[in-house]
Amino acid sequence: MSSTHSLKDKVALIIGGTGGIGAASAKLFAEAGATVIVTHRAGAKGEVAAAELLKNLPGQGHFAQAADVIDTASLVALRDAVQARFGKLHVLVNTAGFTKPVAHGDLDALDDELIDQMFAVNWRGQFAAIRSFAPLLKASGDGVIVSISSIAGATGNGSSIAYCAVKAGIDVMTKSLARVLAPEVRVLGVAPGVVDTGFVPGRGAEFNAKTAATTPLKRVASAEDVAAAVLACCTHLTFSTGTTLVVDGGRSL
């Protein structure tokens, strides 16, 4: 990577860094020279996953801490830890999220509890993370926020109507925050189609094969495909803000 596009001396925080897209992003950011911070779920399982991830990253100084996007206090505690340890932050990547498949025609199955949980984790949590770290990003003078969206936010076709709605909300949030955080911080989204990570419960090799057959590039995305787009937002697309980059192999055409 040329020095122009290097992340040397940059600090990058990946919320949900032990998930498929988060872990792939952590690897690419570390390879680009960044010091990487990842969040993980509280408990031994999350700690082990984070430790294993950091152990395999190139470079030094990487750091992990438990945080929950629906618990703003944990995000504030993370911000304080980042401030104390590094004194700066250049990149925030929002990859945390979840979904549960619900047939769009089954209105009763999409109950109030699930709707509230979908919005709390997938929209409010992303906003809370940005709100917590915006001062550090602005202070860097050249901050970048990248949130993982989905083509479901534009097509209205996804694992549930609520999931489509929250991803549309991410796209709108990206536009709104790009205006208010400029010029110190750029705000971008990355919208994949189907990604081979096991993110959607019940979808495996058979679903991926059927999806690939109807996708122009004849495959589904890998976590690395999406991570490459996230990295590009920070290193190459330096005059872009307020937009969402589609990474779907042409599926939404």
C-alpha atoms as a PDB file:
ATOM      1  CA  MET A   1       0.000   0.000   0.000  1.00  0.00           C
ATOM      2  CA  SER A   2       1.350   3.413  -0.940  1.00  0.00           C
ATOM      3  CA  SER A   3       2.119   5.883   1.820  1.00  0.00           C
ATOM      4  CA  THR A   4      -0.721   8.047   0.520  1.00  0.00           C
ATOM      5  CA  HIS A   5      -3.201   5.341   1.448  1.00  0.00           C
ATOM      6  CA  SER A   6      -1.454   4.051   4.560  1.00  0.00           C
ATOM      7  CA  LEU A   7      -3.108   4.122   7.982  1.00  0.00           C
ATOM      8  CA  LYS A   8       0.212   4.295   9.809  1.00  0.00           C
ATOM      9  CA  ASP A   9      -0.127   6.202  13.111  1.00  0.00           C
ATOM     10  CA  LYS A  10      -3.934   6.048  12.830  1.00  0.00           C
ATOM     11  CA  VAL A  11      -6.185   4.524  15.500  1.00  0.00           C
ATOM     12  CA  ALA A  12      -9.245   2.611  14.312  1.00  0.00           C
ATOM     13  CA  LEU A  13     -12.105   1.347  16.480  1.00  0.00           C
ATOM     14  CA  ILE A  14     -14.270  -1.489  15.189  1.00  0.00           C
ATOM     15  CA  ILE A  15     -17.512  -1.953  17.095  1.00  0.00           C
ATOM     16  CA  GLY A  16     -18.428  -5.633  16.881  1.00  0.00           C
ATOM     17  CA  GLY A  17     -14.875  -6.472  15.907  1.00  0.00           C
ATOM     18  CA  THR A  18     -15.081 -10.203  16.585  1.00  0.00           C
ATOM     19  CA  GLY A  19     -17.905 -10.787  14.072  1.00  0.00           C
ATOM     20  CA  GLY A  20     -17.267 -11.839  10.496  1.00  0.00           C
ATOM     21  CA  ILE A  21     -17.101  -8.411   8.844  1.00  0.00           C
ATOM     22  CA  GLY A  22     -15.585  -6.825  11.954  1.00  0.00           C
ATOM     23  CA  ALA A  23     -12.745  -9.334  12.189  1.00  0.00           C
ATOM     24  CA  ALA A  24     -11.994  -9.096   8.459  1.00  0.00           C
ATOM     25  CA  SER A  25     -11.927  -5.300   8.763  1.00  0.00           C
ATOM     26  CA  ALA A  26      -9.602  -5.473  11.768  1.00  0.00           C
ATOM     27  CA  LYS A  27      -7.143  -7.558   9.758  1.00  0.00           C
ATOM     28  CA  LEU A  28      -7.118  -5.194   6.771  1.00  0.00           C
ATOM     29  CA  PHE A  29      -6.797  -2.110   8.964  1.00  0.00           C
ATOM     30  CA  ALA A  30      -3.869  -3.626  10.841  1.00  0.00           C
ATOM     31  CA  GLU A  31      -2.214  -4.582   7.549  1.00  0.00           C
ATOM     32  CA  ALA A  32      -2.623  -0.958   6.444  1.00  0.00           C
ATOM     33  CA  GLY A  33      -0.685   0.161   9.528  1.00  0.00           C
ATOM     34  CA  ALA A  34      -3.484   1.179  11.898  1.00  0.00           C
ATOM     35  CA  THR A  35      -3.591   0.475  15.592  1.00  0.00           C
ATOM     36  CA  VAL A  36      -6.841  -1.440  15.993  1.00  0.00           C
ATOM     37  CA  ILE A  37      -9.341  -1.461  18.842  1.00  0.00           C
ATOM     38  CA  VAL A  38     -12.121  -4.060  18.767  1.00  0.00           C
ATOM     39  CA  THR A  39     -15.156  -4.495  20.962  1.00  0.00           C
ATOM     40  CA  HIS A  40     -16.531  -7.852  21.991  1.00  0.00           C
ATOM     41  CA  ARG A  41     -19.379  -9.204  24.056  1.00  0.00           C
ATOM     42  CA  ALA A  42     -18.894  -9.473  27.798  1.00  0.00           C
ATOM     43  CA  GLY A  43     -17.933 -12.900  29.123  1.00  0.00           C
ATOM     44  CA  ALA A  44     -15.266 -15.500  28.592  1.00  0.00           C
ATOM     45  CA  LYS A  45     -16.355 -16.425  25.063  1.00  0.00           C
ATOM     46  CA  GLY A  46     -16.074 -12.842  23.866  1.00  0.00           C
ATOM     47  CA  GLU A  47     -12.733 -12.339  25.578  1.00  0.00           C
ATOM     48  CA  VAL A  48     -11.278 -15.483  24.007  1.00  0.00           C
ATOM     49  CA  ALA A  49     -12.498 -14.498  20.532  1.00  0.00           C
ATOM     50  CA  ALA A  50     -11.006 -11.014  20.881  1.00  0.00           C
ATOM     51  CA  ALA A  51      -7.687 -12.313  22.207  1.00  0.00           C
ATOM     52  CA  GLU A  52      -7.410 -14.781  19.340  1.00  0.00           C
ATOM     53  CA  LEU A  53      -8.164 -12.054  16.806  1.00  0.00           C
ATOM     54  CA  LEU A  54      -5.623  -9.587  18.214  1.00  0.00           C
ATOM     55  CA  LYS A  55      -2.950 -12.274  18.463  1.00  0.00           C
ATOM     56  CA  ASN A  56      -3.087 -12.771  14.706  1.00  0.00           C
ATOM     57  CA  LEU A  57      -3.055  -9.111  13.692  1.00  0.00           C
ATOM     58  CA  PRO A  58       0.150  -7.621  12.310  1.00  0.00           C
ATOM     59  CA  GLY A  59       1.593  -4.683  14.202  1.00  0.00           C
ATOM     60  CA  GLN A  60       1.531  -3.801  17.883  1.00  0.00           C
ATOM     61  CA  GLY A  61      -0.570  -1.937  20.409  1.00  0.00           C
ATOM     62  CA  HIS A  62      -3.936  -3.398  19.433  1.00  0.00           C
ATOM     63  CA  PHE A  63      -6.575  -3.407  22.159  1.00  0.00           C
ATOM     64  CA  ALA A  64      -9.915  -5.057  22.962  1.00  0.00           C
ATOM     65  CA  GLN A  65     -12.668  -4.205  25.414  1.00  0.00           C
ATOM     66  CA  ALA A  66     -16.173  -5.469  26.096  1.00  0.00           C
ATOM     67  CA  ALA A  67     -18.966  -3.089  25.079  1.00  0.00           C
ATOM     68  CA  ASP A  68     -22.652  -3.383  24.276  1.00  0.00           C
ATOM     69  CA  VAL A  69     -24.177  -0.934  21.811  1.00  0.00           C
ATOM     70  CA  ILE A  70     -27.494  -0.928  23.656  1.00  0.00           C
ATOM     71  CA  ASP A  71     -25.696   0.047  26.874  1.00  0.00           C
ATOM     72  CA  THR A  72     -24.491   3.610  26.345  1.00  0.00           C
ATOM     73  CA  ALA A  73     -22.597   3.533  29.644  1.00  0.00           C
ATOM     74  CA  SER A  74     -20.367   0.779  28.257  1.00  0.00           C
ATOM     75  CA  LEU A  75     -19.684   2.897  25.158  1.00  0.00           C
ATOM     76  CA  VAL A  76     -18.760   5.886  27.315  1.00  0.00           C
ATOM     77  CA  ALA A  77     -16.449   3.668  29.360  1.00  0.00           C
ATOM     78  CA  LEU A  78     -14.844   2.495  26.120  1.00  0.00           C
ATOM     79  CA  ARG A  79     -14.426   6.081  24.939  1.00  0.00           C
ATOM     80  CA  ASP A  80     -12.697   6.976  28.203  1.00  0.00           C
ATOM     81  CA  ALA A  81     -10.404   3.956  27.838  1.00  0.00           C
ATOM     82  CA  VAL A  82      -9.510   4.926  24.264  1.00  0.00           C
ATOM     83  CA  GLN A  83      -8.853   8.509  25.325  1.00  0.00           C
ATOM     84  CA  ALA A  84      -6.609   7.385  28.199  1.00  0.00           C
ATOM     85  CA  ARG A  85      -4.722   4.761  26.204  1.00  0.00           C
ATOM     86  CA  PHE A  86      -4.325   6.460  22.820  1.00  0.00           C
ATOM     87  CA  GLY A  87      -5.425  10.062  23.232  1.00  0.00           C
ATOM     88  CA  LYS A  88      -6.941  10.041  19.748  1.00  0.00           C
ATOM     89  CA  LEU A  89      -9.245   8.225  17.337  1.00  0.00           C
ATOM     90  CA  HIS A  90      -9.283   8.488  13.546  1.00  0.00           C
ATOM     91  CA  VAL A  91     -11.717   5.774  12.408  1.00  0.00           C
ATOM     92  CA  LEU A  92     -14.950   4.340  13.806  1.00  0.00           C
ATOM     93  CA  VAL A  93     -16.467   1.303  12.090  1.00  0.00           C
ATOM     94  CA  ASN A  94     -19.938   0.161  13.143  1.00  0.00           C
ATOM     95  CA  THR A  95     -20.383  -3.556  12.416  1.00  0.00           C
ATOM     96  CA  ALA A  96     -22.417  -4.681  15.436  1.00  0.00           C
ATOM     97  CA  GLY A  97     -25.913  -5.920  14.692  1.00  0.00           C
ATOM     98  CA  PHE A  98     -28.268  -8.859  14.548  1.00  0.00           C
ATOM     99  CA  THR A  99     -31.289 -10.111  12.663  1.00  0.00           C
ATOM    100  CA  LYS A 100     -33.961 -12.778  12.863  1.00  0.00           C
ATOM    101  CA  PRO A 101     -35.687 -14.042   9.731  1.00  0.00           C
ATOM    102  CA  VAL A 102     -39.405 -13.231   9.636  1.00  0.00           C
ATOM    103  CA  ALA A 103     -41.465 -13.739   6.489  1.00  0.00           C
ATOM    104  CA  HIS A 104     -42.608 -10.348   5.260  1.00  0.00           C
ATOM    105  CA  GLY A 105     -46.190 -11.536   4.938  1.00  0.00           C
ATOM    106  CA  ASP A 106     -46.358 -12.822   8.520  1.00  0.00           C
ATOM    107  CA  LEU A 107     -47.212  -9.550  10.228  1.00  0.00           C
ATOM    108  CA  ASP A 108     -48.044 -11.142  13.566  1.00  0.00           C
ATOM    109  CA  ALA A 109     -44.620 -12.769  13.831  1.00  0.00           C
ATOM    110  CA  LEU A 110     -42.968  -9.341  13.722  1.00  0.00           C
ATOM    111  CA  ASP A 111     -44.097  -8.470  17.227  1.00  0.00           C
ATOM    112  CA  ASP A 112     -43.394  -5.318  19.230  1.00  0.00           C
ATOM    113  CA  GLU A 113     -40.587  -6.874  21.263  1.00  0.00           C
ATOM    114  CA  LEU A 114     -38.626  -7.950  18.194  1.00  0.00           C
ATOM    115  CA  ILE A 115     -39.192  -4.613  16.460  1.00  0.00           C
ATOM    116  CA  ASP A 116     -37.924  -2.711  19.505  1.00  0.00           C
ATOM    117  CA  GLN A 117     -34.882  -4.974  19.804  1.00  0.00           C
ATOM    118  CA  MET A 118     -34.072  -4.602  16.113  1.00  0.00           C
ATOM    119  CA  PHE A 119     -34.088  -0.821  16.334  1.00  0.00           C
ATOM    120  CA  ALA A 120     -32.251  -0.714  19.680  1.00  0.00           C
ATOM    121  CA  VAL A 121     -29.348  -2.836  18.430  1.00  0.00           C
ATOM    122  CA  ASN A 122     -29.169  -1.998  14.740  1.00  0.00           C
ATOM    123  CA  TRP A 123     -29.977   1.714  14.725  1.00  0.00           C
ATOM    124  CA  ARG A 124     -29.927   3.273  18.174  1.00  0.00           C
ATOM    125  CA  GLY A 125     -26.755   1.373  19.049  1.00  0.00           C
ATOM    126  CA  GLN A 126     -24.917   2.653  15.973  1.00  0.00           C
ATOM    127  CA  PHE A 127     -26.007   6.205  16.702  1.00  0.00           C
ATOM    128  CA  ALA A 128     -24.982   5.882  20.363  1.00  0.00           C
ATOM    129  CA  ALA A 129     -21.518   4.734  19.319  1.00  0.00           C
ATOM    130  CA  ILE A 130     -21.138   7.673  16.949  1.00  0.00           C
ATOM    131  CA  ARG A 131     -22.449  10.097  19.563  1.00  0.00           C
ATOM    132  CA  SER A 132     -19.944   8.777  22.102  1.00  0.00           C
ATOM    133  CA  PHE A 133     -16.905   8.998  19.841  1.00  0.00           C
ATOM    134  CA  ALA A 134     -17.732  12.065  17.728  1.00  0.00           C
ATOM    135  CA  PRO A 135     -15.656  14.430  19.914  1.00  0.00           C
ATOM    136  CA  LEU A 136     -12.529  12.264  19.584  1.00  0.00           C
ATOM    137  CA  LEU A 137     -13.052  11.863  15.843  1.00  0.00           C
ATOM    138  CA  LYS A 138     -13.568  15.592  15.340  1.00  0.00           C
ATOM    139  CA  ALA A 139     -10.458  16.357  17.362  1.00  0.00           C
ATOM    140  CA  SER A 140      -8.399  14.249  14.938  1.00  0.00           C
ATOM    141  CA  GLY A 141      -9.286  16.736  12.181  1.00  0.00           C
ATOM    142  CA  ASP A 142      -9.553  13.904   9.658  1.00  0.00           C
ATOM    143  CA  GLY A 143     -11.968  11.373  11.131  1.00  0.00           C
ATOM    144  CA  VAL A 144     -13.986   8.739   9.297  1.00  0.00           C
ATOM    145  CA  ILE A 145     -17.110   6.844  10.335  1.00  0.00           C
ATOM    146  CA  VAL A 146     -18.213   3.783   8.367  1.00  0.00           C
ATOM    147  CA  SER A 147     -21.448   1.989   9.244  1.00  0.00           C
ATOM    148  CA  ILE A 148     -22.493  -1.363   7.814  1.00  0.00           C
ATOM    149  CA  SER A 149     -25.834  -1.019   6.072  1.00  0.00           C
ATOM    150  CA  SER A 150     -27.456  -3.450   3.626  1.00  0.00           C
ATOM    151  CA  ILE A 151     -29.053  -3.365   0.216  1.00  0.00           C
ATOM    152  CA  ALA A 152     -32.197  -4.371   2.140  1.00  0.00           C
ATOM    153  CA  GLY A 153     -32.471  -0.727   3.184  1.00  0.00           C
ATOM    154  CA  ALA A 154     -33.004   0.268  -0.450  1.00  0.00           C
ATOM    155  CA  THR A 155     -34.729  -2.790  -1.898  1.00  0.00           C
ATOM    156  CA  GLY A 156     -37.109  -3.511   0.998  1.00  0.00           C
ATOM    157  CA  ASN A 157     -36.243  -7.183   0.574  1.00  0.00           C
ATOM    158  CA  GLY A 158     -34.364  -8.763   3.468  1.00  0.00           C
ATOM    159  CA  SER A 159     -34.570 -11.032   6.479  1.00  0.00           C
ATOM    160  CA  SER A 160     -37.520  -9.062   7.882  1.00  0.00           C
ATOM    161  CA  ILE A 161     -39.382  -5.822   7.294  1.00  0.00           C
ATOM    162  CA  ALA A 162     -37.860  -4.442  10.498  1.00  0.00           C
ATOM    163  CA  TYR A 163     -34.349  -5.263   9.284  1.00  0.00           C
ATOM    164  CA  CYS A 164     -35.020  -3.445   6.012  1.00  0.00           C
ATOM    165  CA  ALA A 165     -36.301  -0.453   7.976  1.00  0.00           C
ATOM    166  CA  VAL A 166     -33.307  -0.199  10.300  1.00  0.00           C
ATOM    167  CA  LYS A 167     -30.887  -0.392   7.400  1.00  0.00           C
ATOM    168  CA  ALA A 168     -32.787   2.361   5.587  1.00  0.00           C
ATOM    169  CA  GLY A 169     -32.417   4.284   8.836  1.00  0.00           C
ATOM    170  CA  ILE A 170     -28.653   3.736   8.777  1.00  0.00           C
ATOM    171  CA  ASP A 171     -28.533   5.212   5.266  1.00  0.00           C
ATOM    172  CA  VAL A 172     -30.471   8.303   6.372  1.00  0.00           C
ATOM    173  CA  MET A 173     -28.317   8.662   9.489  1.00  0.00           C
ATOM    174  CA  THR A 174     -25.212   8.532   7.296  1.00  0.00           C
ATOM    175  CA  LYS A 175     -26.486  11.466   5.226  1.00  0.00           C
ATOM    176  CA  SER A 176     -27.591  13.521   8.233  1.00  0.00           C
ATOM    177  CA  LEU A 177     -24.389  13.038  10.215  1.00  0.00           C
ATOM    178  CA  ALA A 178     -22.210  13.721   7.182  1.00  0.00           C
ATOM    179  CA  ARG A 179     -23.641  17.234   7.108  1.00  0.00           C
ATOM    180  CA  VAL A 180     -23.265  18.027  10.792  1.00  0.00           C
ATOM    181  CA  LEU A 181     -19.851  16.427  11.367  1.00  0.00           C
ATOM    182  CA  ALA A 182     -18.133  17.910   8.299  1.00  0.00           C
ATOM    183  CA  PRO A 183     -15.488  18.981   7.586  1.00  0.00           C
ATOM    184  CA  GLU A 184     -13.567  17.261  10.384  1.00  0.00           C
ATOM    185  CA  VAL A 185     -15.294  13.883   9.988  1.00  0.00           C
ATOM    186  CA  ARG A 186     -16.468  12.033   6.896  1.00  0.00           C
ATOM    187  CA  VAL A 187     -19.431   9.649   7.321  1.00  0.00           C
ATOM    188  CA  LEU A 188     -20.030   6.736   4.958  1.00  0.00           C
ATOM    189  CA  GLY A 189     -21.980   3.513   4.743  1.00  0.00           C
ATOM    190  CA  VAL A 190     -21.234   0.163   3.139  1.00  0.00           C
ATOM    191  CA  ALA A 191     -24.234  -1.860   1.957  1.00  0.00           C
ATOM    192  CA  PRO A 192     -23.581  -5.515   1.196  1.00  0.00           C
ATOM    193  CA  GLY A 193     -26.007  -8.014  -0.245  1.00  0.00           C
ATOM    194  CA  VAL A 194     -25.765 -11.574   1.030  1.00  0.00           C
ATOM    195  CA  VAL A 195     -22.491 -12.191   2.879  1.00  0.00           C
ATOM    196  CA  ASP A 196     -21.095 -15.631   3.662  1.00  0.00           C
ATOM    197  CA  THR A 197     -20.727 -15.128   7.424  1.00  0.00           C
ATOM    198  CA  GLY A 198     -23.641 -16.985   9.005  1.00  0.00           C
ATOM    199  CA  PHE A 199     -25.063 -13.630  10.135  1.00  0.00           C
ATOM    200  CA  VAL A 200     -28.644 -14.621   9.286  1.00  0.00           C
ATOM    201  CA  PRO A 201     -29.729 -17.654  11.315  1.00  0.00           C
ATOM    202  CA  GLY A 202     -30.784 -20.598   9.173  1.00  0.00           C
ATOM    203  CA  ARG A 203     -29.025 -19.485   6.013  1.00  0.00           C
ATOM    204  CA  GLY A 204     -26.207 -21.735   4.895  1.00  0.00           C
ATOM    205  CA  ALA A 205     -24.518 -23.154   1.813  1.00  0.00           C
ATOM    206  CA  GLU A 206     -27.770 -24.028   0.015  1.00  0.00           C
ATOM    207  CA  PHE A 207     -29.166 -20.503   0.398  1.00  0.00           C
ATOM    208  CA  ASN A 208     -25.853 -18.978  -0.684  1.00  0.00           C
ATOM    209  CA  ALA A 209     -25.739 -21.186  -3.792  1.00  0.00           C
ATOM    210  CA  LYS A 210     -29.257 -20.172  -4.828  1.00  0.00           C
ATOM    211  CA  THR A 211     -28.443 -16.513  -4.231  1.00  0.00           C
ATOM    212  CA  ALA A 212     -25.196 -16.735  -6.185  1.00  0.00           C
ATOM    213  CA  ALA A 213     -27.034 -18.199  -9.178  1.00  0.00           C
ATOM    214  CA  THR A 214     -29.236 -15.079  -9.420  1.00  0.00           C
ATOM    215  CA  THR A 215     -26.435 -12.571  -8.769  1.00  0.00           C
ATOM    216  CA  PRO A 216     -24.643 -11.090 -11.819  1.00  0.00           C
ATOM    217  CA  LEU A 217     -21.158 -11.869 -10.451  1.00  0.00           C
ATOM    218  CA  LYS A 218     -22.329 -15.422  -9.623  1.00  0.00           C
ATOM    219  CA  ARG A 219     -21.243 -15.528  -5.992  1.00  0.00           C
ATOM    220  CA  VAL A 220     -22.147 -14.049  -2.650  1.00  0.00           C
ATOM    221  CA  ALA A 221     -19.838 -11.654  -0.841  1.00  0.00           C
ATOM    222  CA  SER A 222     -17.148 -12.759   1.563  1.00  0.00           C
ATOM    223  CA  ALA A 223     -16.469 -10.849   4.753  1.00  0.00           C
ATOM    224  CA  GLU A 224     -13.234  -9.743   3.103  1.00  0.00           C
ATOM    225  CA  ASP A 225     -15.143  -8.203   0.173  1.00  0.00           C
ATOM    226  CA  VAL A 226     -17.061  -6.001   2.582  1.00  0.00           C
ATOM    227  CA  ALA A 227     -13.987  -5.214   4.683  1.00  0.00           C
ATOM    228  CA  ALA A 228     -12.139  -4.071   1.558  1.00  0.00           C
ATOM    229  CA  ALA A 229     -14.912  -1.557   0.902  1.00  0.00           C
ATOM    230  CA  VAL A 230     -14.761  -0.342   4.508  1.00  0.00           C
ATOM    231  CA  LEU A 231     -11.012   0.158   4.188  1.00  0.00           C
ATOM    232  CA  ALA A 232     -11.420   1.967   0.866  1.00  0.00           C
ATOM    233  CA  CYS A 233     -13.772   4.455   2.530  1.00  0.00           C
ATOM    234  CA  CYS A 234     -10.928   5.400   4.843  1.00  0.00           C
ATOM    235  CA  THR A 235      -7.980   5.298   2.479  1.00  0.00           C
ATOM    236  CA  HIS A 236      -9.090   5.936  -1.101  1.00  0.00           C
ATOM    237  CA  LEU A 237     -12.500   7.636  -1.107  1.00  0.00           C
ATOM    238  CA  THR A 238     -11.190  10.726   0.614  1.00  0.00           C
ATOM    239  CA  PHE A 239     -13.572  13.160  -1.119  1.00  0.00           C
ATOM    240  CA  SER A 240     -16.683  11.111  -0.357  1.00  0.00           C
ATOM    241  CA  THR A 241     -19.084  11.655   2.533  1.00  0.00           C
ATOM    242  CA  GLY A 242     -22.771  11.100   3.196  1.00  0.00           C
ATOM    243  CA  THR A 243     -23.078   8.259   0.709  1.00  0.00           C
ATOM    244  CA  THR A 244     -23.464   4.493   0.940  1.00  0.00           C
ATOM    245  CA  LEU A 245     -21.273   2.211  -1.145  1.00  0.00           C
ATOM    246  CA  VAL A 246     -23.071  -0.868  -2.509  1.00  0.00           C
ATOM    247  CA  VAL A 247     -21.069  -4.114  -2.392  1.00  0.00           C
ATOM    248  CA  ASP A 248     -23.471  -6.777  -3.663  1.00  0.00           C
ATOM    249  CA  GLY A 249     -22.040  -8.278  -6.839  1.00  0.00           C
ATOM    250  CA  GLY A 250     -24.845  -6.617  -8.773  1.00  0.00           C
ATOM    251  CA  ARG A 251     -27.631  -8.379  -6.861  1.00  0.00           C
ATOM    252  CA  SER A 252     -29.727  -5.223  -6.508  1.00  0.00           C
ATOM    253  CA  LEU A 253     -29.720  -4.520 -10.247  1.00  0.00           C
END
